[in-house]
Amino acid sequence: MILKTILLHAIDLAQPTSPPQGVNTQGLATFLRSFFAPLFLVIVSVVALFFLFTREITRFVQFIILAIAIGVIFYVPNIIEVTAKAIAGALGISAG
């Protein structure tokens, strides 16, 4: 029984298949966000704690503002597209 199952699977694997039509990137952005979000938060936390413990409040505030800006740019969906369209609209460039 086991040998029969192995042989049937081997025959199925030996059958020719159609070549892939392209790379499927659906969900890639979501995967990358979920992968890098914890890493980003850990790095931001460690650097922020360093600035707090060394009593460099000015650098701490600058770093937090920069971290929030980077977080918004990378983790809010379609923020770059929406911002580009808003800038183009403010400059009077019509989307064609």
PDB file of N, CA and C in Angstrom:
ATOM      1  N   MET A   1       0.815  -1.189   0.000  1.00  0.00           N
ATOM      2  CA  MET A   1       0.000   0.000   0.000  1.00  0.00           C
ATOM      3  C   MET A   1       0.866   1.263   0.000  1.00  0.00           C
ATOM      4  N   ILE A   2       1.867   1.294   0.879  1.00  0.00           N
ATOM      5  CA  ILE A   2       2.747   2.463   0.959  1.00  0.00           C
ATOM      6  C   ILE A   2       3.570   2.588  -0.316  1.00  0.00           C
ATOM      7  N   LEU A   3       4.073   1.462  -0.812  1.00  0.00           N
ATOM      8  CA  LEU A   3       4.866   1.487  -2.034  1.00  0.00           C
ATOM      9  C   LEU A   3       4.033   1.971  -3.210  1.00  0.00           C
ATOM     10  N   LYS A   4       2.758   1.550  -3.262  1.00  0.00           N
ATOM     11  CA  LYS A   4       1.861   1.985  -4.330  1.00  0.00           C
ATOM     12  C   LYS A   4       1.647   3.495  -4.271  1.00  0.00           C
ATOM     13  N   THR A   5       1.451   4.042  -3.071  1.00  0.00           N
ATOM     14  CA  THR A   5       1.255   5.481  -2.901  1.00  0.00           C
ATOM     15  C   THR A   5       2.503   6.251  -3.324  1.00  0.00           C
ATOM     16  N   ILE A   6       3.663   5.750  -2.957  1.00  0.00           N
ATOM     17  CA  ILE A   6       4.916   6.411  -3.339  1.00  0.00           C
ATOM     18  C   ILE A   6       5.083   6.412  -4.849  1.00  0.00           C
ATOM     19  N   LEU A   7       4.792   5.267  -5.485  1.00  0.00           N
ATOM     20  CA  LEU A   7       4.924   5.191  -6.933  1.00  0.00           C
ATOM     21  C   LEU A   7       3.933   6.106  -7.643  1.00  0.00           C
ATOM     22  N   LEU A   8       2.702   6.191  -7.137  1.00  0.00           N
ATOM     23  CA  LEU A   8       1.711   7.085  -7.750  1.00  0.00           C
ATOM     24  C   LEU A   8       2.141   8.551  -7.632  1.00  0.00           C
ATOM     25  N   HIS A   9       2.674   8.930  -6.489  1.00  0.00           N
ATOM     26  CA  HIS A   9       3.158  10.308  -6.327  1.00  0.00           C
ATOM     27  C   HIS A   9       4.363  10.585  -7.225  1.00  0.00           C
ATOM     28  N   ALA A  10       5.234   9.579  -7.373  1.00  0.00           N
ATOM     29  CA  ALA A  10       6.397   9.747  -8.243  1.00  0.00           C
ATOM     30  C   ALA A  10       5.957   9.929  -9.692  1.00  0.00           C
ATOM     31  N   ILE A  11       4.943   9.184 -10.110  1.00  0.00           N
ATOM     32  CA  ILE A  11       4.423   9.315 -11.477  1.00  0.00           C
ATOM     33  C   ILE A  11       3.793  10.692 -11.673  1.00  0.00           C
ATOM     34  N   ASP A  12       3.036  11.160 -10.652  1.00  0.00           N
ATOM     35  CA  ASP A  12       2.430  12.497 -10.739  1.00  0.00           C
ATOM     36  C   ASP A  12       3.494  13.586 -10.846  1.00  0.00           C
ATOM     37  N   LEU A  13       4.577  13.432 -10.099  1.00  0.00           N
ATOM     38  CA  LEU A  13       5.646  14.428 -10.142  1.00  0.00           C
ATOM     39  C   LEU A  13       6.399  14.406 -11.467  1.00  0.00           C
ATOM     40  N   ALA A  14       6.420  13.248 -12.129  1.00  0.00           N
ATOM     41  CA  ALA A  14       7.140  13.125 -13.385  1.00  0.00           C
ATOM     42  C   ALA A  14       6.368  13.705 -14.563  1.00  0.00           C
ATOM     43  N   GLN A  15       5.083  13.978 -14.397  1.00  0.00           N
ATOM     44  CA  GLN A  15       4.268  14.526 -15.482  1.00  0.00           C
ATOM     45  C   GLN A  15       4.707  15.960 -15.790  1.00  0.00           C
ATOM     46  N   PRO A  16       4.749  16.314 -17.074  1.00  0.00           N
ATOM     47  CA  PRO A  16       5.136  17.693 -17.407  1.00  0.00           C
ATOM     48  C   PRO A  16       4.052  18.677 -16.963  1.00  0.00           C
ATOM     49  N   THR A  17       4.502  19.834 -16.534  1.00  0.00           N
ATOM     50  CA  THR A  17       3.583  20.885 -16.107  1.00  0.00           C
ATOM     51  C   THR A  17       3.809  22.121 -16.966  1.00  0.00           C
ATOM     52  N   SER A  18       2.826  22.995 -16.957  1.00  0.00           N
ATOM     53  CA  SER A  18       2.977  24.233 -17.724  1.00  0.00           C
ATOM     54  C   SER A  18       3.938  25.162 -16.987  1.00  0.00           C
ATOM     55  N   PRO A  19       4.748  25.900 -17.721  1.00  0.00           N
ATOM     56  CA  PRO A  19       5.695  26.810 -17.068  1.00  0.00           C
ATOM     57  C   PRO A  19       4.946  27.955 -16.394  1.00  0.00           C
ATOM     58  N   PRO A  20       5.518  28.516 -15.358  1.00  0.00           N
ATOM     59  CA  PRO A  20       4.865  29.640 -14.683  1.00  0.00           C
ATOM     60  C   PRO A  20       4.750  30.838 -15.614  1.00  0.00           C
ATOM     61  N   GLN A  21       3.634  31.558 -15.510  1.00  0.00           N
ATOM     62  CA  GLN A  21       3.382  32.689 -16.401  1.00  0.00           C
ATOM     63  C   GLN A  21       4.022  33.983 -15.903  1.00  0.00           C
ATOM     64  N   GLY A  22       4.424  34.035 -14.689  1.00  0.00           N
ATOM     65  CA  GLY A  22       5.044  35.231 -14.115  1.00  0.00           C
ATOM     66  C   GLY A  22       5.137  35.085 -12.610  1.00  0.00           C
ATOM     67  N   VAL A  23       5.757  36.024 -12.003  1.00  0.00           N
ATOM     68  CA  VAL A  23       5.911  35.996 -10.560  1.00  0.00           C
ATOM     69  C   VAL A  23       4.664  36.581  -9.924  1.00  0.00           C
ATOM     70  N   ASN A  24       4.104  35.877  -8.974  1.00  0.00           N
ATOM     71  CA  ASN A  24       2.920  36.366  -8.264  1.00  0.00           C
ATOM     72  C   ASN A  24       3.378  37.196  -7.072  1.00  0.00           C
ATOM     73  N   THR A  25       3.180  38.495  -7.138  1.00  0.00           N
ATOM     74  CA  THR A  25       3.625  39.387  -6.065  1.00  0.00           C
ATOM     75  C   THR A  25       2.460  39.882  -5.222  1.00  0.00           C
ATOM     76  N   GLN A  26       1.301  39.273  -5.375  1.00  0.00           N
ATOM     77  CA  GLN A  26       0.161  39.698  -4.577  1.00  0.00           C
ATOM     78  C   GLN A  26       0.431  39.377  -3.109  1.00  0.00           C
ATOM     79  N   GLY A  27       0.277  40.368  -2.273  1.00  0.00           N
ATOM     80  CA  GLY A  27       0.521  40.191  -0.846  1.00  0.00           C
ATOM     81  C   GLY A  27       1.959  40.410  -0.444  1.00  0.00           C
ATOM     82  N   LEU A  28       2.829  40.773  -1.381  1.00  0.00           N
ATOM     83  CA  LEU A  28       4.236  40.973  -1.054  1.00  0.00           C
ATOM     84  C   LEU A  28       4.424  42.155  -0.108  1.00  0.00           C
ATOM     85  N   ALA A  29       3.728  43.253  -0.367  1.00  0.00           N
ATOM     86  CA  ALA A  29       3.859  44.430   0.488  1.00  0.00           C
ATOM     87  C   ALA A  29       3.376  44.126   1.904  1.00  0.00           C
ATOM     88  N   THR A  30       2.295  43.379   2.012  1.00  0.00           N
ATOM     89  CA  THR A  30       1.781  43.016   3.328  1.00  0.00           C
ATOM     90  C   THR A  30       2.772  42.119   4.065  1.00  0.00           C
ATOM     91  N   PHE A  31       3.362  41.184   3.341  1.00  0.00           N
ATOM     92  CA  PHE A  31       4.361  40.306   3.952  1.00  0.00           C
ATOM     93  C   PHE A  31       5.559  41.100   4.431  1.00  0.00           C
ATOM     94  N   LEU A  32       6.062  42.014   3.599  1.00  0.00           N
ATOM     95  CA  LEU A  32       7.233  42.797   3.991  1.00  0.00           C
ATOM     96  C   LEU A  32       6.933  43.703   5.177  1.00  0.00           C
ATOM     97  N   ARG A  33       5.726  44.292   5.182  1.00  0.00           N
ATOM     98  CA  ARG A  33       5.347  45.130   6.329  1.00  0.00           C
ATOM     99  C   ARG A  33       5.282  44.306   7.604  1.00  0.00           C
ATOM    100  N   SER A  34       4.680  43.127   7.529  1.00  0.00           N
ATOM    101  CA  SER A  34       4.571  42.299   8.732  1.00  0.00           C
ATOM    102  C   SER A  34       5.925  41.748   9.165  1.00  0.00           C
ATOM    103  N   PHE A  35       6.865  41.618   8.236  1.00  0.00           N
ATOM    104  CA  PHE A  35       8.196  41.128   8.565  1.00  0.00           C
ATOM    105  C   PHE A  35       9.059  42.218   9.194  1.00  0.00           C
ATOM    106  N   PHE A  36       9.031  43.429   8.614  1.00  0.00           N
ATOM    107  CA  PHE A  36       9.916  44.487   9.071  1.00  0.00           C
ATOM    108  C   PHE A  36       9.332  45.351  10.187  1.00  0.00           C
ATOM    109  N   ALA A  37       8.032  45.291  10.433  1.00  0.00           N
ATOM    110  CA  ALA A  37       7.427  46.136  11.464  1.00  0.00           C
ATOM    111  C   ALA A  37       7.996  45.851  12.852  1.00  0.00           C
ATOM    112  N   PRO A  38       8.077  44.595  13.302  1.00  0.00           N
ATOM    113  CA  PRO A  38       8.661  44.366  14.627  1.00  0.00           C
ATOM    114  C   PRO A  38      10.130  44.774  14.706  1.00  0.00           C
ATOM    115  N   LEU A  39      10.873  44.529  13.645  1.00  0.00           N
ATOM    116  CA  LEU A  39      12.282  44.918  13.615  1.00  0.00           C
ATOM    117  C   LEU A  39      12.427  46.435  13.705  1.00  0.00           C
ATOM    118  N   PHE A  40      11.601  47.156  12.975  1.00  0.00           N
ATOM    119  CA  PHE A  40      11.607  48.615  13.007  1.00  0.00           C
ATOM    120  C   PHE A  40      11.286  49.121  14.411  1.00  0.00           C
ATOM    121  N   LEU A  41      10.272  48.538  15.039  1.00  0.00           N
ATOM    122  CA  LEU A  41       9.889  48.971  16.386  1.00  0.00           C
ATOM    123  C   LEU A  41      10.977  48.692  17.418  1.00  0.00           C
ATOM    124  N   VAL A  42      11.661  47.580  17.296  1.00  0.00           N
ATOM    125  CA  VAL A  42      12.738  47.260  18.238  1.00  0.00           C
ATOM    126  C   VAL A  42      13.889  48.252  18.085  1.00  0.00           C
ATOM    127  N   ILE A  43      14.273  48.538  16.855  1.00  0.00           N
ATOM    128  CA  ILE A  43      15.370  49.483  16.625  1.00  0.00           C
ATOM    129  C   ILE A  43      15.006  50.865  17.137  1.00  0.00           C
ATOM    130  N   VAL A  44      13.789  51.318  16.846  1.00  0.00           N
ATOM    131  CA  VAL A  44      13.348  52.629  17.318  1.00  0.00           C
ATOM    132  C   VAL A  44      13.340  52.669  18.839  1.00  0.00           C
ATOM    133  N   SER A  45      12.875  51.616  19.471  1.00  0.00           N
ATOM    134  CA  SER A  45      12.809  51.582  20.934  1.00  0.00           C
ATOM    135  C   SER A  45      14.197  51.628  21.564  1.00  0.00           C
ATOM    136  N   VAL A  46      15.120  50.864  21.023  1.00  0.00           N
ATOM    137  CA  VAL A  46      16.472  50.830  21.586  1.00  0.00           C
ATOM    138  C   VAL A  46      17.153  52.190  21.438  1.00  0.00           C
ATOM    139  N   VAL A  47      17.056  52.785  20.277  1.00  0.00           N
ATOM    140  CA  VAL A  47      17.698  54.086  20.065  1.00  0.00           C
ATOM    141  C   VAL A  47      17.031  55.162  20.917  1.00  0.00           C
ATOM    142  N   ALA A  48      15.699  55.123  21.042  1.00  0.00           N
ATOM    143  CA  ALA A  48      14.994  56.107  21.870  1.00  0.00           C
ATOM    144  C   ALA A  48      15.403  55.965  23.340  1.00  0.00           C
ATOM    145  N   LEU A  49      15.503  54.734  23.819  1.00  0.00           N
ATOM    146  CA  LEU A  49      15.946  54.529  25.203  1.00  0.00           C
ATOM    147  C   LEU A  49      17.374  55.017  25.416  1.00  0.00           C
ATOM    148  N   PHE A  50      18.226  54.810  24.426  1.00  0.00           N
ATOM    149  CA  PHE A  50      19.604  55.303  24.521  1.00  0.00           C
ATOM    150  C   PHE A  50      19.620  56.820  24.681  1.00  0.00           C
ATOM    151  N   PHE A  51      18.833  57.520  23.865  1.00  0.00           N
ATOM    152  CA  PHE A  51      18.795  58.978  23.954  1.00  0.00           C
ATOM    153  C   PHE A  51      18.202  59.438  25.282  1.00  0.00           C
ATOM    154  N   LEU A  52      17.232  58.715  25.803  1.00  0.00           N
ATOM    155  CA  LEU A  52      16.648  59.104  27.088  1.00  0.00           C
ATOM    156  C   LEU A  52      17.623  58.896  28.242  1.00  0.00           C
ATOM    157  N   PHE A  53      18.325  57.757  28.231  1.00  0.00           N
ATOM    158  CA  PHE A  53      19.249  57.486  29.329  1.00  0.00           C
ATOM    159  C   PHE A  53      20.480  58.379  29.285  1.00  0.00           C
ATOM    160  N   THR A  54      20.866  58.858  28.123  1.00  0.00           N
ATOM    161  CA  THR A  54      21.996  59.783  28.049  1.00  0.00           C
ATOM    162  C   THR A  54      21.547  61.231  28.194  1.00  0.00           C
ATOM    163  N   ARG A  55      20.260  61.436  28.434  1.00  0.00           N
ATOM    164  CA  ARG A  55      19.659  62.753  28.678  1.00  0.00           C
ATOM    165  C   ARG A  55      19.851  63.713  27.515  1.00  0.00           C
ATOM    166  N   GLU A  56      19.776  63.186  26.314  1.00  0.00           N
ATOM    167  CA  GLU A  56      19.834  64.012  25.108  1.00  0.00           C
ATOM    168  C   GLU A  56      18.404  64.181  24.596  1.00  0.00           C
ATOM    169  N   ILE A  57      17.679  65.065  25.243  1.00  0.00           N
ATOM    170  CA  ILE A  57      16.256  65.232  24.968  1.00  0.00           C
ATOM    171  C   ILE A  57      16.025  65.788  23.558  1.00  0.00           C
ATOM    172  N   THR A  58      16.875  66.711  23.128  1.00  0.00           N
ATOM    173  CA  THR A  58      16.710  67.291  21.791  1.00  0.00           C
ATOM    174  C   THR A  58      16.859  66.220  20.715  1.00  0.00           C
ATOM    175  N   ARG A  59      17.886  65.402  20.825  1.00  0.00           N
ATOM    176  CA  ARG A  59      18.078  64.327  19.846  1.00  0.00           C
ATOM    177  C   ARG A  59      16.963  63.295  19.940  1.00  0.00           C
ATOM    178  N   PHE A  60      16.473  63.050  21.158  1.00  0.00           N
ATOM    179  CA  PHE A  60      15.364  62.117  21.341  1.00  0.00           C
ATOM    180  C   PHE A  60      14.125  62.603  20.591  1.00  0.00           C
ATOM    181  N   VAL A  61      13.785  63.872  20.736  1.00  0.00           N
ATOM    182  CA  VAL A  61      12.606  64.428  20.076  1.00  0.00           C
ATOM    183  C   VAL A  61      12.797  64.394  18.557  1.00  0.00           C
ATOM    184  N   GLN A  62      13.982  64.761  18.077  1.00  0.00           N
ATOM    185  CA  GLN A  62      14.257  64.714  16.635  1.00  0.00           C
ATOM    186  C   GLN A  62      14.123  63.283  16.114  1.00  0.00           C
ATOM    187  N   PHE A  63      14.652  62.334  16.848  1.00  0.00           N
ATOM    188  CA  PHE A  63      14.593  60.943  16.428  1.00  0.00           C
ATOM    189  C   PHE A  63      13.157  60.427  16.405  1.00  0.00           C
ATOM    190  N   ILE A  64      12.369  60.761  17.404  1.00  0.00           N
ATOM    191  CA  ILE A  64      10.978  60.298  17.454  1.00  0.00           C
ATOM    192  C   ILE A  64      10.187  60.873  16.287  1.00  0.00           C
ATOM    193  N   ILE A  65      10.398  62.159  15.983  1.00  0.00           N
ATOM    194  CA  ILE A  65       9.698  62.766  14.839  1.00  0.00           C
ATOM    195  C   ILE A  65      10.094  62.071  13.541  1.00  0.00           C
ATOM    196  N   LEU A  66      11.378  61.808  13.361  1.00  0.00           N
ATOM    197  CA  LEU A  66      11.850  61.110  12.161  1.00  0.00           C
ATOM    198  C   LEU A  66      11.294  59.684  12.097  1.00  0.00           C
ATOM    199  N   ALA A  67      11.266  58.981  13.230  1.00  0.00           N
ATOM    200  CA  ALA A  67      10.744  57.610  13.254  1.00  0.00           C
ATOM    201  C   ALA A  67       9.259  57.584  12.919  1.00  0.00           C
ATOM    202  N   ILE A  68       8.497  58.550  13.413  1.00  0.00           N
ATOM    203  CA  ILE A  68       7.072  58.607  13.096  1.00  0.00           C
ATOM    204  C   ILE A  68       6.871  58.878  11.611  1.00  0.00           C
ATOM    205  N   ALA A  69       7.666  59.795  11.048  1.00  0.00           N
ATOM    206  CA  ALA A  69       7.548  60.099   9.615  1.00  0.00           C
ATOM    207  C   ALA A  69       7.875  58.864   8.769  1.00  0.00           C
ATOM    208  N   ILE A  70       8.935  58.155   9.116  1.00  0.00           N
ATOM    209  CA  ILE A  70       9.301  56.945   8.363  1.00  0.00           C
ATOM    210  C   ILE A  70       8.227  55.876   8.524  1.00  0.00           C
ATOM    211  N   GLY A  71       7.709  55.723   9.726  1.00  0.00           N
ATOM    212  CA  GLY A  71       6.652  54.744   9.953  1.00  0.00           C
ATOM    213  C   GLY A  71       5.402  55.040   9.144  1.00  0.00           C
ATOM    214  N   VAL A  72       5.029  56.313   9.064  1.00  0.00           N
ATOM    215  CA  VAL A  72       3.843  56.680   8.284  1.00  0.00           C
ATOM    216  C   VAL A  72       4.077  56.412   6.802  1.00  0.00           C
ATOM    217  N   ILE A  73       5.244  56.762   6.300  1.00  0.00           N
ATOM    218  CA  ILE A  73       5.537  56.581   4.874  1.00  0.00           C
ATOM    219  C   ILE A  73       5.500  55.098   4.495  1.00  0.00           C
ATOM    220  N   PHE A  74       6.076  54.239   5.323  1.00  0.00           N
ATOM    221  CA  PHE A  74       6.200  52.839   4.944  1.00  0.00           C
ATOM    222  C   PHE A  74       5.031  51.958   5.365  1.00  0.00           C
ATOM    223  N   TYR A  75       4.304  52.334   6.405  1.00  0.00           N
ATOM    224  CA  TYR A  75       3.301  51.425   6.932  1.00  0.00           C
ATOM    225  C   TYR A  75       1.868  51.847   6.701  1.00  0.00           C
ATOM    226  N   VAL A  76       1.628  53.030   6.169  1.00  0.00           N
ATOM    227  CA  VAL A  76       0.264  53.423   5.810  1.00  0.00           C
ATOM    228  C   VAL A  76       0.070  53.050   4.339  1.00  0.00           C
ATOM    229  N   PRO A  77      -0.926  52.206   4.045  1.00  0.00           N
ATOM    230  CA  PRO A  77      -1.099  51.769   2.656  1.00  0.00           C
ATOM    231  C   PRO A  77      -1.397  52.940   1.719  1.00  0.00           C
ATOM    232  N   ASN A  78      -0.778  52.936   0.563  1.00  0.00           N
ATOM    233  CA  ASN A  78      -0.986  53.896  -0.528  1.00  0.00           C
ATOM    234  C   ASN A  78      -0.667  55.339  -0.162  1.00  0.00           C
ATOM    235  N   ILE A  79       0.109  55.594   0.891  1.00  0.00           N
ATOM    236  CA  ILE A  79       0.385  56.972   1.300  1.00  0.00           C
ATOM    237  C   ILE A  79       1.229  57.690   0.249  1.00  0.00           C
ATOM    238  N   ILE A  80       2.151  56.979  -0.383  1.00  0.00           N
ATOM    239  CA  ILE A  80       3.008  57.629  -1.383  1.00  0.00           C
ATOM    240  C   ILE A  80       2.182  58.001  -2.610  1.00  0.00           C
ATOM    241  N   GLU A  81       1.301  57.103  -3.043  1.00  0.00           N
ATOM    242  CA  GLU A  81       0.453  57.382  -4.203  1.00  0.00           C
ATOM    243  C   GLU A  81      -0.496  58.546  -3.923  1.00  0.00           C
ATOM    244  N   VAL A  82      -1.106  58.557  -2.759  1.00  0.00           N
ATOM    245  CA  VAL A  82      -2.038  59.623  -2.402  1.00  0.00           C
ATOM    246  C   VAL A  82      -1.304  60.951  -2.292  1.00  0.00           C
ATOM    247  N   THR A  83      -0.131  60.949  -1.689  1.00  0.00           N
ATOM    248  CA  THR A  83       0.660  62.179  -1.548  1.00  0.00           C
ATOM    249  C   THR A  83       1.088  62.703  -2.910  1.00  0.00           C
ATOM    250  N   ALA A  84       1.527  61.821  -3.798  1.00  0.00           N
ATOM    251  CA  ALA A  84       1.946  62.254  -5.134  1.00  0.00           C
ATOM    252  C   ALA A  84       0.777  62.862  -5.908  1.00  0.00           C
ATOM    253  N   LYS A  85      -0.401  62.249  -5.806  1.00  0.00           N
ATOM    254  CA  LYS A  85      -1.573  62.803  -6.487  1.00  0.00           C
ATOM    255  C   LYS A  85      -1.963  64.162  -5.899  1.00  0.00           C
ATOM    256  N   ALA A  86      -1.844  64.306  -4.576  1.00  0.00           N
ATOM    257  CA  ALA A  86      -2.179  65.577  -3.938  1.00  0.00           C
ATOM    258  C   ALA A  86      -1.210  66.676  -4.368  1.00  0.00           C
ATOM    259  N   ILE A  87       0.070  66.355  -4.431  1.00  0.00           N
ATOM    260  CA  ILE A  87       1.061  67.341  -4.866  1.00  0.00           C
ATOM    261  C   ILE A  87       0.828  67.719  -6.320  1.00  0.00           C
ATOM    262  N   ALA A  88       0.564  66.719  -7.146  1.00  0.00           N
ATOM    263  CA  ALA A  88       0.294  67.002  -8.563  1.00  0.00           C
ATOM    264  C   ALA A  88      -0.952  67.863  -8.724  1.00  0.00           C
ATOM    265  N   GLY A  89      -1.985  67.586  -7.935  1.00  0.00           N
ATOM    266  CA  GLY A  89      -3.194  68.399  -7.985  1.00  0.00           C
ATOM    267  C   GLY A  89      -2.958  69.822  -7.529  1.00  0.00           C
ATOM    268  N   ALA A  90      -2.108  69.974  -6.476  1.00  0.00           N
ATOM    269  CA  ALA A  90      -1.799  71.320  -5.991  1.00  0.00           C
ATOM    270  C   ALA A  90      -0.981  72.109  -7.003  1.00  0.00           C
ATOM    271  N   LEU A  91      -0.192  71.420  -7.792  1.00  0.00           N
ATOM    272  CA  LEU A  91       0.599  72.103  -8.823  1.00  0.00           C
ATOM    273  C   LEU A  91      -0.182  72.319 -10.108  1.00  0.00           C
ATOM    274  N   GLY A  92      -1.399  71.806 -10.167  1.00  0.00           N
ATOM    275  CA  GLY A  92      -2.228  72.002 -11.335  1.00  0.00           C
ATOM    276  C   GLY A  92      -2.001  70.992 -12.434  1.00  0.00           C
ATOM    277  N   ILE A  93      -1.348  69.897 -12.118  1.00  0.00           N
ATOM    278  CA  ILE A  93      -1.091  68.841 -13.099  1.00  0.00           C
ATOM    279  C   ILE A  93      -2.250  67.861 -13.027  1.00  0.00           C
ATOM    280  N   SER A  94      -2.925  67.663 -14.143  1.00  0.00           N
ATOM    281  CA  SER A  94      -4.062  66.746 -14.147  1.00  0.00           C
ATOM    282  C   SER A  94      -3.582  65.317 -14.356  1.00  0.00           C
ATOM    283  N   ALA A  95      -4.225  64.405 -13.657  1.00  0.00           N
ATOM    284  CA  ALA A  95      -3.886  62.989 -13.828  1.00  0.00           C
ATOM    285  C   ALA A  95      -4.496  62.482 -15.115  1.00  0.00           C
ATOM    286  N   GLY A  96      -3.683  61.953 -16.016  1.00  0.00           N
ATOM    287  CA  GLY A  96      -4.173  61.556 -17.323  1.00  0.00           C
ATOM    288  C   GLY A  96      -4.242  60.149 -17.581  1.00  0.00           C
TER     289      GLY A  96
END
